[in-house]
All heavy atoms as atom14 arrays in JSON, in Angstrom:
{
  "sequence": "YNEVYNELLAGANAARCSVGGVLEHPLALVEVDAVA",
  "atom14_mask": [
    [1, 1, 1, 1, 1, 1, 1, 1, 1, 1, 1, 1, 0, 0],
    [1, 1, 1, 1, 1, 1, 1, 1, 0, 0, 0, 0, 0, 0],
    [1, 1, 1, 1, 1, 1, 1, 1, 1, 0, 0, 0, 0, 0],
    [1, 1, 1, 1, 1, 1, 1, 0, 0, 0, 0, 0, 0, 0],
    [1, 1, 1, 1, 1, 1, 1, 1, 1, 1, 1, 1, 0, 0],
    [1, 1, 1, 1, 1, 1, 1, 1, 0, 0, 0, 0, 0, 0],
    [1, 1, 1, 1, 1, 1, 1, 1, 1, 0, 0, 0, 0, 0],
    [1, 1, 1, 1, 1, 1, 1, 1, 0, 0, 0, 0, 0, 0],
    [1, 1, 1, 1, 1, 1, 1, 1, 0, 0, 0, 0, 0, 0],
    [1, 1, 1, 1, 1, 0, 0, 0, 0, 0, 0, 0, 0, 0],
    [1, 1, 1, 1, 0, 0, 0, 0, 0, 0, 0, 0, 0, 0],
    [1, 1, 1, 1, 1, 0, 0, 0, 0, 0, 0, 0, 0, 0],
    [1, 1, 1, 1, 1, 1, 1, 1, 0, 0, 0, 0, 0, 0],
    [1, 1, 1, 1, 1, 0, 0, 0, 0, 0, 0, 0, 0, 0],
    [1, 1, 1, 1, 1, 0, 0, 0, 0, 0, 0, 0, 0, 0],
    [1, 1, 1, 1, 1, 1, 1, 1, 1, 1, 1, 0, 0, 0],
    [1, 1, 1, 1, 1, 1, 0, 0, 0, 0, 0, 0, 0, 0],
    [1, 1, 1, 1, 1, 1, 0, 0, 0, 0, 0, 0, 0, 0],
    [1, 1, 1, 1, 1, 1, 1, 0, 0, 0, 0, 0, 0, 0],
    [1, 1, 1, 1, 0, 0, 0, 0, 0, 0, 0, 0, 0, 0],
    [1, 1, 1, 1, 0, 0, 0, 0, 0, 0, 0, 0, 0, 0],
    [1, 1, 1, 1, 1, 1, 1, 0, 0, 0, 0, 0, 0, 0],
    [1, 1, 1, 1, 1, 1, 1, 1, 0, 0, 0, 0, 0, 0],
    [1, 1, 1, 1, 1, 1, 1, 1, 1, 0, 0, 0, 0, 0],
    [1, 1, 1, 1, 1, 1, 1, 1, 1, 1, 0, 0, 0, 0],
    [1, 1, 1, 1, 1, 1, 1, 0, 0, 0, 0, 0, 0, 0],
    [1, 1, 1, 1, 1, 1, 1, 1, 0, 0, 0, 0, 0, 0],
    [1, 1, 1, 1, 1, 0, 0, 0, 0, 0, 0, 0, 0, 0],
    [1, 1, 1, 1, 1, 1, 1, 1, 0, 0, 0, 0, 0, 0],
    [1, 1, 1, 1, 1, 1, 1, 0, 0, 0, 0, 0, 0, 0],
    [1, 1, 1, 1, 1, 1, 1, 1, 1, 0, 0, 0, 0, 0],
    [1, 1, 1, 1, 1, 1, 1, 0, 0, 0, 0, 0, 0, 0],
    [1, 1, 1, 1, 1, 1, 1, 1, 0, 0, 0, 0, 0, 0],
    [1, 1, 1, 1, 1, 0, 0, 0, 0, 0, 0, 0, 0, 0],
    [1, 1, 1, 1, 1, 1, 1, 0, 0, 0, 0, 0, 0, 0],
    [1, 1, 1, 1, 1, 0, 0, 0, 0, 0, 0, 0, 0, 0]
  ],
  "atom14_positions": [
    [[-97.92, 214.83, 35.4], [-99.05, 214.86, 36.34], [-99.04, 213.59, 37.21], [-99.19, 213.66, 38.43], [-100.38, 214.98, 35.6], [-101.58, 214.82, 36.5], [-102.0, 215.86, 37.32], [-102.27, 213.61, 36.57], [-103.07, 215.71, 38.17], [-103.36, 213.45, 37.42], [-103.75, 214.51, 38.21], [-104.82, 214.36, 39.06], [0.0, 0.0, 0.0], [0.0, 0.0, 0.0]],
    [[-98.85, 212.43, 36.57], [-98.8, 211.19, 37.34], [-97.65, 211.18, 38.34], [-97.75, 210.61, 39.43], [-98.68, 210.0, 36.4], [-99.99, 209.64, 35.74], [-101.06, 209.91, 36.26], [-99.91, 209.02, 34.56], [0.0, 0.0, 0.0], [0.0, 0.0, 0.0], [0.0, 0.0, 0.0], [0.0, 0.0, 0.0], [0.0, 0.0, 0.0], [0.0, 0.0, 0.0]],
    [[-96.55, 211.8, 37.96], [-95.4, 211.89, 38.86], [-95.78, 212.61, 40.15], [-95.47, 212.14, 41.27], [-94.27, 212.64, 38.14], [-93.04, 212.91, 38.94], [-92.06, 213.78, 38.16], [-91.74, 213.44, 37.0], [-91.63, 214.82, 38.71], [0.0, 0.0, 0.0], [0.0, 0.0, 0.0], [0.0, 0.0, 0.0], [0.0, 0.0, 0.0], [0.0, 0.0, 0.0]],
    [[-96.46, 213.75, 40.03], [-96.88, 214.5, 41.21], [-98.0, 213.77, 41.95], [-98.06, 213.77, 43.18], [-97.32, 215.93, 40.8], [-97.82, 216.71, 42.01], [-96.17, 216.66, 40.14], [0.0, 0.0, 0.0], [0.0, 0.0, 0.0], [0.0, 0.0, 0.0], [0.0, 0.0, 0.0], [0.0, 0.0, 0.0], [0.0, 0.0, 0.0], [0.0, 0.0, 0.0]],
    [[-98.9, 213.14, 41.2], [-99.98, 212.36, 41.79], [-99.42, 211.27, 42.71], [-99.87, 211.09, 43.84], [-100.81, 211.74, 40.66], [-102.08, 211.04, 41.08], [-103.31, 211.68, 40.99], [-102.06, 209.71, 41.53], [-104.48, 211.02, 41.33], [-103.22, 209.06, 41.88], [-104.44, 209.72, 41.78], [-105.59, 209.06, 42.13], [0.0, 0.0, 0.0], [0.0, 0.0, 0.0]],
    [[-98.4, 210.54, 42.23], [-97.77, 209.51, 43.05], [-97.15, 210.09, 44.31], [-97.2, 209.48, 45.38], [-96.68, 208.8, 42.24], [-97.23, 207.7, 41.36], [-97.97, 206.84, 41.82], [-96.88, 207.71, 40.08], [0.0, 0.0, 0.0], [0.0, 0.0, 0.0], [0.0, 0.0, 0.0], [0.0, 0.0, 0.0], [0.0, 0.0, 0.0], [0.0, 0.0, 0.0]],
    [[-96.57, 211.26, 44.18], [-95.88, 211.87, 45.31], [-96.87, 212.38, 46.36], [-96.75, 212.07, 47.56], [-95.02, 213.03, 44.82], [-94.32, 213.8, 45.92], [-93.64, 215.06, 45.42], [-93.41, 215.18, 44.2], [-93.33, 215.93, 46.27], [0.0, 0.0, 0.0], [0.0, 0.0, 0.0], [0.0, 0.0, 0.0], [0.0, 0.0, 0.0], [0.0, 0.0, 0.0]],
    [[-97.85, 213.18, 45.93], [-98.75, 213.83, 46.89], [-99.83, 212.89, 47.39], [-100.31, 213.03, 48.52], [-99.39, 215.07, 46.25], [-98.46, 216.22, 45.89], [-99.27, 217.44, 45.47], [-97.56, 216.59, 47.07], [0.0, 0.0, 0.0], [0.0, 0.0, 0.0], [0.0, 0.0, 0.0], [0.0, 0.0, 0.0], [0.0, 0.0, 0.0], [0.0, 0.0, 0.0]],
    [[-100.24, 211.94, 46.56], [-101.32, 211.03, 46.96], [-100.79, 209.65, 47.28], [-101.45, 208.64, 47.04], [-102.38, 210.95, 45.85], [-103.04, 212.26, 45.44], [-104.2, 212.01, 44.51], [-103.49, 213.08, 46.65], [0.0, 0.0, 0.0], [0.0, 0.0, 0.0], [0.0, 0.0, 0.0], [0.0, 0.0, 0.0], [0.0, 0.0, 0.0], [0.0, 0.0, 0.0]],
    [[-99.59, 209.6, 47.82], [-99.04, 208.32, 48.28], [-99.99, 207.7, 49.3], [-100.45, 208.35, 50.22], [-97.66, 208.55, 48.9], [0.0, 0.0, 0.0], [0.0, 0.0, 0.0], [0.0, 0.0, 0.0], [0.0, 0.0, 0.0], [0.0, 0.0, 0.0], [0.0, 0.0, 0.0], [0.0, 0.0, 0.0], [0.0, 0.0, 0.0], [0.0, 0.0, 0.0]],
    [[-100.31, 206.45, 49.09], [-101.27, 205.78, 49.96], [-102.67, 205.75, 49.41], [-103.52, 205.01, 49.89], [0.0, 0.0, 0.0], [0.0, 0.0, 0.0], [0.0, 0.0, 0.0], [0.0, 0.0, 0.0], [0.0, 0.0, 0.0], [0.0, 0.0, 0.0], [0.0, 0.0, 0.0], [0.0, 0.0, 0.0], [0.0, 0.0, 0.0], [0.0, 0.0, 0.0]],
    [[-102.92, 206.58, 48.38], [-104.23, 206.56, 47.74], [-104.35, 205.35, 46.83], [-103.38, 204.93, 46.2], [-104.45, 207.84, 46.94], [0.0, 0.0, 0.0], [0.0, 0.0, 0.0], [0.0, 0.0, 0.0], [0.0, 0.0, 0.0], [0.0, 0.0, 0.0], [0.0, 0.0, 0.0], [0.0, 0.0, 0.0], [0.0, 0.0, 0.0], [0.0, 0.0, 0.0]],
    [[-105.55, 204.8, 46.75], [-105.8, 203.68, 45.85], [-107.13, 203.88, 45.14], [-107.83, 202.93, 44.8], [-105.79, 202.35, 46.61], [-105.5, 201.17, 45.7], [-104.81, 201.31, 44.7], [-106.02, 200.0, 46.04], [0.0, 0.0, 0.0], [0.0, 0.0, 0.0], [0.0, 0.0, 0.0], [0.0, 0.0, 0.0], [0.0, 0.0, 0.0], [0.0, 0.0, 0.0]],
    [[-107.49, 205.13, 44.95], [-108.79, 205.48, 44.4], [-108.96, 204.98, 42.97], [-107.98, 204.83, 42.22], [-108.98, 207.0, 44.42], [0.0, 0.0, 0.0], [0.0, 0.0, 0.0], [0.0, 0.0, 0.0], [0.0, 0.0, 0.0], [0.0, 0.0, 0.0], [0.0, 0.0, 0.0], [0.0, 0.0, 0.0], [0.0, 0.0, 0.0], [0.0, 0.0, 0.0]],
    [[-110.21, 204.74, 42.58], [-110.51, 204.58, 41.17], [-110.3, 205.95, 40.5], [-110.48, 206.99, 41.13], [-111.96, 204.12, 41.0], [0.0, 0.0, 0.0], [0.0, 0.0, 0.0], [0.0, 0.0, 0.0], [0.0, 0.0, 0.0], [0.0, 0.0, 0.0], [0.0, 0.0, 0.0], [0.0, 0.0, 0.0], [0.0, 0.0, 0.0], [0.0, 0.0, 0.0]],
    [[-109.94, 205.94, 39.22], [-109.63, 207.2, 38.55], [-110.06, 207.15, 37.1], [-110.1, 206.08, 36.48], [-108.12, 207.5, 38.65], [-107.75, 208.95, 38.42], [-106.26, 209.17, 38.55], [-105.56, 208.95, 37.3], [-104.28, 209.25, 37.08], [-103.54, 209.76, 38.07], [-103.71, 209.04, 35.92], [0.0, 0.0, 0.0], [0.0, 0.0, 0.0], [0.0, 0.0, 0.0]],
    [[-110.39, 208.31, 36.56], [-110.7, 208.42, 35.14], [-110.02, 209.67, 34.61], [-110.07, 210.73, 35.25], [-112.2, 208.5, 34.92], [-112.69, 208.6, 33.19], [0.0, 0.0, 0.0], [0.0, 0.0, 0.0], [0.0, 0.0, 0.0], [0.0, 0.0, 0.0], [0.0, 0.0, 0.0], [0.0, 0.0, 0.0], [0.0, 0.0, 0.0], [0.0, 0.0, 0.0]],
    [[-109.38, 209.56, 33.46], [-108.71, 210.7, 32.83], [-109.17, 210.82, 31.38], [-109.07, 209.85, 30.62], [-107.18, 210.52, 32.86], [-106.69, 210.45, 34.19], [0.0, 0.0, 0.0], [0.0, 0.0, 0.0], [0.0, 0.0, 0.0], [0.0, 0.0, 0.0], [0.0, 0.0, 0.0], [0.0, 0.0, 0.0], [0.0, 0.0, 0.0], [0.0, 0.0, 0.0]],
    [[-109.71, 211.98, 31.03], [-110.12, 212.24, 29.66], [-109.65, 213.65, 29.29], [-109.25, 214.44, 30.14], [-111.65, 212.14, 29.48], [-112.13, 210.73, 29.8], [-112.38, 213.15, 30.34], [0.0, 0.0, 0.0], [0.0, 0.0, 0.0], [0.0, 0.0, 0.0], [0.0, 0.0, 0.0], [0.0, 0.0, 0.0], [0.0, 0.0, 0.0], [0.0, 0.0, 0.0]],
    [[-109.71, 213.95, 28.01], [-109.34, 215.28, 27.55], [-110.54, 216.22, 27.56], [-111.69, 215.8, 27.57], [0.0, 0.0, 0.0], [0.0, 0.0, 0.0], [0.0, 0.0, 0.0], [0.0, 0.0, 0.0], [0.0, 0.0, 0.0], [0.0, 0.0, 0.0], [0.0, 0.0, 0.0], [0.0, 0.0, 0.0], [0.0, 0.0, 0.0], [0.0, 0.0, 0.0]],
    [[-110.27, 217.52, 27.55], [-111.34, 218.51, 27.52], [-110.79, 219.91, 27.52], [-109.61, 220.14, 27.82], [0.0, 0.0, 0.0], [0.0, 0.0, 0.0], [0.0, 0.0, 0.0], [0.0, 0.0, 0.0], [0.0, 0.0, 0.0], [0.0, 0.0, 0.0], [0.0, 0.0, 0.0], [0.0, 0.0, 0.0], [0.0, 0.0, 0.0], [0.0, 0.0, 0.0]],
    [[-111.64, 220.87, 27.17], [-111.28, 222.29, 27.22], [-111.7, 222.83, 28.58], [-112.85, 222.66, 29.0], [-111.97, 223.07, 26.09], [-111.64, 224.56, 26.21], [-111.53, 222.55, 24.73], [0.0, 0.0, 0.0], [0.0, 0.0, 0.0], [0.0, 0.0, 0.0], [0.0, 0.0, 0.0], [0.0, 0.0, 0.0], [0.0, 0.0, 0.0], [0.0, 0.0, 0.0]],
    [[-110.76, 223.46, 29.28], [-111.0, 223.92, 30.64], [-111.36, 225.4, 30.66], [-111.19, 226.13, 29.69], [-109.76, 223.65, 31.49], [-109.31, 222.19, 31.51], [-108.03, 222.03, 32.33], [-110.41, 221.3, 32.07], [0.0, 0.0, 0.0], [0.0, 0.0, 0.0], [0.0, 0.0, 0.0], [0.0, 0.0, 0.0], [0.0, 0.0, 0.0], [0.0, 0.0, 0.0]],
    [[-111.86, 225.82, 31.82], [-112.43, 227.17, 31.92], [-111.39, 228.26, 31.74], [-111.67, 229.29, 31.14], [-113.13, 227.29, 33.28], [-114.12, 228.4, 33.35], [-114.99, 228.3, 34.59], [-115.12, 227.2, 35.15], [-115.53, 229.34, 35.0], [0.0, 0.0, 0.0], [0.0, 0.0, 0.0], [0.0, 0.0, 0.0], [0.0, 0.0, 0.0], [0.0, 0.0, 0.0]],
    [[-110.19, 228.06, 32.27], [-109.14, 229.06, 32.1], [-108.24, 228.64, 30.95], [-107.81, 227.49, 30.89], [-108.32, 229.22, 33.39], [-107.45, 230.44, 33.38], [-106.23, 230.47, 32.73], [-107.64, 231.68, 33.91], [-105.7, 231.66, 32.88], [-106.52, 232.41, 33.59], [0.0, 0.0, 0.0], [0.0, 0.0, 0.0], [0.0, 0.0, 0.0], [0.0, 0.0, 0.0]],
    [[-107.92, 229.56, 30.04], [-107.14, 229.16, 28.85], [-105.74, 228.66, 29.16], [-105.13, 227.99, 28.32], [-107.11, 230.43, 28.0], [-107.4, 231.55, 28.95], [-108.32, 230.98, 29.98], [0.0, 0.0, 0.0], [0.0, 0.0, 0.0], [0.0, 0.0, 0.0], [0.0, 0.0, 0.0], [0.0, 0.0, 0.0], [0.0, 0.0, 0.0], [0.0, 0.0, 0.0]],
    [[-105.2, 228.97, 30.34], [-103.86, 228.52, 30.7], [-103.87, 227.26, 31.58], [-102.82, 226.74, 31.93], [-103.1, 229.64, 31.41], [-102.86, 230.91, 30.59], [-102.11, 231.95, 31.42], [-102.09, 230.6, 29.31], [0.0, 0.0, 0.0], [0.0, 0.0, 0.0], [0.0, 0.0, 0.0], [0.0, 0.0, 0.0], [0.0, 0.0, 0.0], [0.0, 0.0, 0.0]],
    [[-105.06, 226.8, 31.94], [-105.16, 225.6, 32.78], [-104.8, 224.36, 31.99], [-105.23, 224.19, 30.84], [-106.55, 225.48, 33.36], [0.0, 0.0, 0.0], [0.0, 0.0, 0.0], [0.0, 0.0, 0.0], [0.0, 0.0, 0.0], [0.0, 0.0, 0.0], [0.0, 0.0, 0.0], [0.0, 0.0, 0.0], [0.0, 0.0, 0.0], [0.0, 0.0, 0.0]],
    [[-104.04, 223.47, 32.58], [-103.62, 222.22, 31.94], [-104.37, 221.01, 32.48], [-104.43, 219.98, 31.81], [-102.12, 222.02, 32.13], [-101.22, 223.11, 31.54], [-99.76, 222.84, 31.89], [-101.41, 223.21, 30.03], [0.0, 0.0, 0.0], [0.0, 0.0, 0.0], [0.0, 0.0, 0.0], [0.0, 0.0, 0.0], [0.0, 0.0, 0.0], [0.0, 0.0, 0.0]],
    [[-104.93, 221.12, 33.68], [-105.64, 219.99, 34.27], [-106.65, 220.51, 35.27], [-106.44, 221.53, 35.93], [-104.65, 219.01, 34.94], [-103.97, 219.65, 36.15], [-105.34, 217.71, 35.34], [0.0, 0.0, 0.0], [0.0, 0.0, 0.0], [0.0, 0.0, 0.0], [0.0, 0.0, 0.0], [0.0, 0.0, 0.0], [0.0, 0.0, 0.0], [0.0, 0.0, 0.0]],
    [[-107.8, 219.83, 35.35], [-108.78, 220.07, 36.4], [-109.1, 218.72, 37.03], [-109.23, 217.72, 36.33], [-110.05, 220.72, 35.85], [-111.1, 220.96, 36.92], [-112.24, 221.88, 36.49], [-111.98, 222.79, 35.67], [-113.37, 221.69, 36.96], [0.0, 0.0, 0.0], [0.0, 0.0, 0.0], [0.0, 0.0, 0.0], [0.0, 0.0, 0.0], [0.0, 0.0, 0.0]],
    [[-109.25, 218.72, 38.35], [-109.45, 217.46, 39.08], [-110.63, 217.62, 40.03], [-110.69, 218.58, 40.81], [-108.2, 217.08, 39.88], [-108.41, 215.76, 40.62], [-106.97, 217.0, 38.98], [0.0, 0.0, 0.0], [0.0, 0.0, 0.0], [0.0, 0.0, 0.0], [0.0, 0.0, 0.0], [0.0, 0.0, 0.0], [0.0, 0.0, 0.0], [0.0, 0.0, 0.0]],
    [[-111.57, 216.7, 39.97], [-112.58, 216.62, 41.01], [-112.48, 215.25, 41.68], [-112.13, 214.27, 41.04], [-113.99, 216.91, 40.48], [-114.42, 216.0, 39.35], [-114.86, 214.88, 39.64], [-114.34, 216.42, 38.18], [0.0, 0.0, 0.0], [0.0, 0.0, 0.0], [0.0, 0.0, 0.0], [0.0, 0.0, 0.0], [0.0, 0.0, 0.0], [0.0, 0.0, 0.0]],
    [[-112.77, 215.22, 42.95], [-112.5, 214.02, 43.74], [-113.62, 213.75, 44.72], [-114.36, 214.65, 45.14], [-111.18, 214.18, 44.5], [0.0, 0.0, 0.0], [0.0, 0.0, 0.0], [0.0, 0.0, 0.0], [0.0, 0.0, 0.0], [0.0, 0.0, 0.0], [0.0, 0.0, 0.0], [0.0, 0.0, 0.0], [0.0, 0.0, 0.0], [0.0, 0.0, 0.0]],
    [[-113.74, 212.48, 45.08], [-114.68, 212.02, 46.11], [-113.89, 211.24, 47.14], [-113.1, 210.35, 46.78], [-115.79, 211.12, 45.52], [-116.81, 210.78, 46.61], [-116.46, 211.78, 44.33], [0.0, 0.0, 0.0], [0.0, 0.0, 0.0], [0.0, 0.0, 0.0], [0.0, 0.0, 0.0], [0.0, 0.0, 0.0], [0.0, 0.0, 0.0], [0.0, 0.0, 0.0]],
    [[-114.1, 211.56, 48.4], [-113.49, 210.82, 49.49], [-114.59, 210.24, 50.38], [-115.74, 210.68, 50.31], [-112.55, 211.71, 50.31], [0.0, 0.0, 0.0], [0.0, 0.0, 0.0], [0.0, 0.0, 0.0], [0.0, 0.0, 0.0], [0.0, 0.0, 0.0], [0.0, 0.0, 0.0], [0.0, 0.0, 0.0], [0.0, 0.0, 0.0], [0.0, 0.0, 0.0]]
  ]
}
């Protein structure tokens, strides 16, 4: 995930928080919400 984050969000310097959790779709591996 960090590999793709570095690639797609090049130039971003946002604060970030990562925690574990159960997501709404059983096949989902990550959910992201963002503020710009």
